[in-house]
Amino acid sequence: MPKKSPTEASPVAHFEQSLEELEQLVEKMETGDLSLEQSLSAYERGVGLYRQCQQALEQAELRVRLLSDPARPETAEPFDPPSHDG
């Protein structure tokens, strides 16, 4: 049986898909057109997607820290994107 690559099994690989699905669920719920049962199902699915996204972000941060300083990832500085204030 062929092995999956680490990125295929990782939540990081599916982050964008999960985030997009979560955004679509929020839009549906905001319209107010769902029944109570549909709303509860959408909310439950949304919580699961949110947790997947959170886990993916945590794993991505850990990977960046390991790349920044493999010997001491706990001392790596958080990445701050450059400001575009002009």
C-alpha atoms as a PDB file:
ATOM      1  CA  MET A   1       0.000   0.000   0.000  1.00  0.00           C
ATOM      2  CA  PRO A   2       1.479   3.407  -0.958  1.00  0.00           C
ATOM      3  CA  LYS A   3       2.257   5.768   1.876  1.00  0.00           C
ATOM      4  CA  LYS A   4       0.724   9.213   2.059  1.00  0.00           C
ATOM      5  CA  SER A   5       3.108  12.129   2.107  1.00  0.00           C
ATOM      6  CA  PRO A   6       3.157  14.118   5.372  1.00  0.00           C
ATOM      7  CA  THR A   7       1.462  17.094   3.712  1.00  0.00           C
ATOM      8  CA  GLU A   8      -1.489  14.973   2.535  1.00  0.00           C
ATOM      9  CA  ALA A   9      -2.233  13.728   6.048  1.00  0.00           C
ATOM     10  CA  SER A  10      -1.684  17.125   7.637  1.00  0.00           C
ATOM     11  CA  PRO A  11      -4.506  19.586   8.383  1.00  0.00           C
ATOM     12  CA  VAL A  12      -2.227  22.253   6.901  1.00  0.00           C
ATOM     13  CA  ALA A  13      -2.767  20.760   3.452  1.00  0.00           C
ATOM     14  CA  HIS A  14      -6.542  21.206   3.744  1.00  0.00           C
ATOM     15  CA  PHE A  15      -6.587  24.589   5.493  1.00  0.00           C
ATOM     16  CA  GLU A  16      -7.849  26.669   2.574  1.00  0.00           C
ATOM     17  CA  GLN A  17     -10.571  24.170   1.704  1.00  0.00           C
ATOM     18  CA  SER A  18     -11.762  24.036   5.326  1.00  0.00           C
ATOM     19  CA  LEU A  19     -11.683  27.820   5.634  1.00  0.00           C
ATOM     20  CA  GLU A  20     -13.678  28.260   2.425  1.00  0.00           C
ATOM     21  CA  GLU A  21     -16.298  25.755   3.565  1.00  0.00           C
ATOM     22  CA  LEU A  22     -16.506  27.511   6.936  1.00  0.00           C
ATOM     23  CA  GLU A  23     -17.056  30.878   5.242  1.00  0.00           C
ATOM     24  CA  GLN A  24     -19.846  29.402   3.093  1.00  0.00           C
ATOM     25  CA  LEU A  25     -21.548  27.960   6.182  1.00  0.00           C
ATOM     26  CA  VAL A  26     -21.419  31.334   7.917  1.00  0.00           C
ATOM     27  CA  GLU A  27     -22.962  33.031   4.879  1.00  0.00           C
ATOM     28  CA  LYS A  28     -25.809  30.475   4.801  1.00  0.00           C
ATOM     29  CA  MET A  29     -26.467  30.915   8.502  1.00  0.00           C
ATOM     30  CA  GLU A  30     -26.447  34.715   8.235  1.00  0.00           C
ATOM     31  CA  THR A  31     -29.232  34.688   5.627  1.00  0.00           C
ATOM     32  CA  GLY A  32     -31.636  33.246   8.194  1.00  0.00           C
ATOM     33  CA  ASP A  33     -33.167  30.894   5.615  1.00  0.00           C
ATOM     34  CA  LEU A  34     -32.133  27.675   7.398  1.00  0.00           C
ATOM     35  CA  SER A  35     -34.444  25.694   9.645  1.00  0.00           C
ATOM     36  CA  LEU A  36     -33.442  25.162  13.250  1.00  0.00           C
ATOM     37  CA  GLU A  37     -32.226  21.643  12.470  1.00  0.00           C
ATOM     38  CA  GLN A  38     -30.218  22.888   9.471  1.00  0.00           C
ATOM     39  CA  SER A  39     -28.760  25.705  11.573  1.00  0.00           C
ATOM     40  CA  LEU A  40     -27.690  23.288  14.292  1.00  0.00           C
ATOM     41  CA  SER A  41     -26.089  20.980  11.727  1.00  0.00           C
ATOM     42  CA  ALA A  42     -24.319  23.911  10.075  1.00  0.00           C
ATOM     43  CA  TYR A  43     -23.108  25.181  13.459  1.00  0.00           C
ATOM     44  CA  GLU A  44     -21.813  21.739  14.410  1.00  0.00           C
ATOM     45  CA  ARG A  45     -19.982  21.399  11.092  1.00  0.00           C
ATOM     46  CA  GLY A  46     -18.618  24.933  11.484  1.00  0.00           C
ATOM     47  CA  VAL A  47     -17.166  24.170  14.910  1.00  0.00           C
ATOM     48  CA  GLY A  48     -15.419  21.122  13.457  1.00  0.00           C
ATOM     49  CA  LEU A  49     -14.032  23.155  10.575  1.00  0.00           C
ATOM     50  CA  TYR A  50     -12.890  25.911  12.938  1.00  0.00           C
ATOM     51  CA  ARG A  51     -10.994  23.362  15.020  1.00  0.00           C
ATOM     52  CA  GLN A  52      -9.367  21.915  11.884  1.00  0.00           C
ATOM     53  CA  CYS A  53      -8.267  25.395  10.807  1.00  0.00           C
ATOM     54  CA  GLN A  54      -6.911  26.190  14.268  1.00  0.00           C
ATOM     55  CA  GLN A  55      -4.956  22.929  14.325  1.00  0.00           C
ATOM     56  CA  ALA A  56      -3.583  23.618  10.847  1.00  0.00           C
ATOM     57  CA  LEU A  57      -2.388  27.070  11.916  1.00  0.00           C
ATOM     58  CA  GLU A  58      -0.698  25.637  15.005  1.00  0.00           C
ATOM     59  CA  GLN A  59       1.065  22.985  12.917  1.00  0.00           C
ATOM     60  CA  ALA A  60       2.158  25.563  10.344  1.00  0.00           C
ATOM     61  CA  GLU A  61       3.562  27.774  13.107  1.00  0.00           C
ATOM     62  CA  LEU A  62       5.472  24.829  14.558  1.00  0.00           C
ATOM     63  CA  ARG A  63       6.916  23.984  11.146  1.00  0.00           C
ATOM     64  CA  VAL A  64       8.074  27.592  10.689  1.00  0.00           C
ATOM     65  CA  ARG A  65       9.669  27.579  14.146  1.00  0.00           C
ATOM     66  CA  LEU A  66      11.471  24.322  13.389  1.00  0.00           C
ATOM     67  CA  LEU A  67      12.775  25.752  10.131  1.00  0.00           C
ATOM     68  CA  SER A  68      13.853  28.987  11.820  1.00  0.00           C
ATOM     69  CA  ASP A  69      15.944  27.251  14.488  1.00  0.00           C
ATOM     70  CA  PRO A  70      15.794  23.444  14.404  1.00  0.00           C
ATOM     71  CA  ALA A  71      17.879  23.118  17.570  1.00  0.00           C
ATOM     72  CA  ARG A  72      15.737  25.511  19.649  1.00  0.00           C
ATOM     73  CA  PRO A  73      12.238  25.996  18.158  1.00  0.00           C
ATOM     74  CA  GLU A  74      10.922  27.429  21.437  1.00  0.00           C
ATOM     75  CA  THR A  75      13.181  30.492  21.062  1.00  0.00           C
ATOM     76  CA  ALA A  76      12.118  31.303  17.500  1.00  0.00           C
ATOM     77  CA  GLU A  77      10.576  34.732  17.066  1.00  0.00           C
ATOM     78  CA  PRO A  78       7.012  34.932  15.704  1.00  0.00           C
ATOM     79  CA  PHE A  79       6.804  35.994  12.087  1.00  0.00           C
ATOM     80  CA  ASP A  80       5.472  39.524  11.659  1.00  0.00           C
ATOM     81  CA  PRO A  81       4.723  40.518   8.055  1.00  0.00           C
ATOM     82  CA  PRO A  82       6.065  43.921   6.995  1.00  0.00           C
ATOM     83  CA  SER A  83       3.737  46.849   7.515  1.00  0.00           C
ATOM     84  CA  HIS A  84       2.207  48.504   4.440  1.00  0.00           C
ATOM     85  CA  ASP A  85       1.522  51.835   6.117  1.00  0.00           C
ATOM     86  CA  GLY A  86       3.510  53.735   3.552  1.00  0.00           C
END
